[in-house]
């Protein structure tokens, strides 16, 4: 279990580092992601992107545990 958590942590860090390049492919700007910009204030809520990553991670972990 600890190996899986370490691998998940490393994947999350890698996604965080690669996020500027991943956004060029449309990840992070999906319908359902909320972006509010007012003056010098910005809020970004990646709801759809988070759901897709959650589903993908669930499927991957399900396949690993089979």
Protein backbone atom coordinates (compact mmCIF):
# COMPACT_ATOMS: atom_id res chain seq x y z
CA UNK A 1 0.00 0.00 0.00
CA UNK A 2 2.83 2.42 0.78
CA UNK A 3 4.33 1.91 -2.69
CA UNK A 4 1.03 2.78 -4.32
CA UNK A 5 0.74 5.98 -2.25
CA UNK A 6 4.30 6.98 -3.15
CA UNK A 7 3.61 6.36 -6.84
CA UNK A 8 0.37 8.35 -6.68
CA UNK A 9 2.22 11.20 -4.98
CA UNK A 10 4.91 11.20 -7.65
CA UNK A 11 2.28 11.19 -10.40
CA UNK A 12 0.54 14.18 -8.79
CA UNK A 13 3.84 16.05 -8.56
CA UNK A 14 4.62 15.22 -12.20
CA UNK A 15 1.19 16.48 -13.29
CA UNK A 16 1.75 19.68 -11.32
CA UNK A 17 5.09 20.27 -13.01
CA UNK A 18 3.76 19.39 -16.46
CA UNK A 19 0.48 21.33 -16.07
CA UNK A 20 1.51 24.29 -18.30
CA UNK A 21 2.25 21.89 -21.16
CA UNK A 22 -0.83 19.74 -20.52
CA UNK A 23 -3.08 22.79 -20.71
CA UNK A 24 -2.03 23.24 -24.34
CA UNK A 25 -3.93 20.01 -25.13
CA UNK A 26 -7.15 21.37 -23.61
CA UNK A 27 -6.82 19.64 -20.24
CA UNK A 28 -7.91 22.17 -17.65
CA UNK A 29 -10.23 24.06 -19.98
CA UNK A 30 -13.02 21.54 -20.27
CA UNK A 31 -16.71 22.44 -20.17
CA UNK A 32 -17.67 22.45 -16.51
CA UNK A 33 -14.41 23.99 -15.30
CA UNK A 34 -15.20 27.32 -13.66
CA UNK A 35 -12.98 30.38 -14.14
CA UNK A 36 -13.87 33.67 -12.44
CA UNK A 37 -11.69 36.70 -13.20
CA UNK A 38 -12.43 40.08 -11.63
CA UNK A 39 -9.73 42.74 -11.71
CA UNK A 40 -6.65 41.31 -10.03
CA UNK A 41 -8.61 38.39 -8.51
CA UNK A 42 -8.88 34.97 -10.17
CA UNK A 43 -10.56 31.76 -9.01
CA UNK A 44 -10.23 28.54 -10.99
CA UNK A 45 -12.30 25.47 -10.09
CA UNK A 46 -11.41 22.50 -12.34
CA UNK A 47 -14.53 20.45 -11.59
CA UNK A 48 -14.73 18.46 -14.85
CA UNK A 49 -10.97 17.98 -15.06
CA UNK A 50 -10.94 16.71 -11.47
CA UNK A 51 -13.74 14.27 -12.21
CA UNK A 52 -11.92 12.91 -15.26
CA UNK A 53 -8.68 12.44 -13.31
CA UNK A 54 -10.60 10.77 -10.49
CA UNK A 55 -12.30 8.33 -12.85
CA UNK A 56 -9.02 7.56 -14.63
CA UNK A 57 -7.20 7.00 -11.33
CA UNK A 58 -10.02 4.78 -10.05
CA UNK A 59 -9.88 2.64 -13.18
CA UNK A 60 -6.08 2.35 -13.01
CA UNK A 61 -6.14 1.35 -9.34
CA UNK A 62 -8.97 -1.11 -9.99
CA UNK A 63 -6.91 -2.73 -12.77
CA UNK A 64 -3.82 -2.90 -10.54
CA UNK A 65 -5.75 -4.59 -7.71
CA UNK A 66 -7.35 -7.21 -9.99
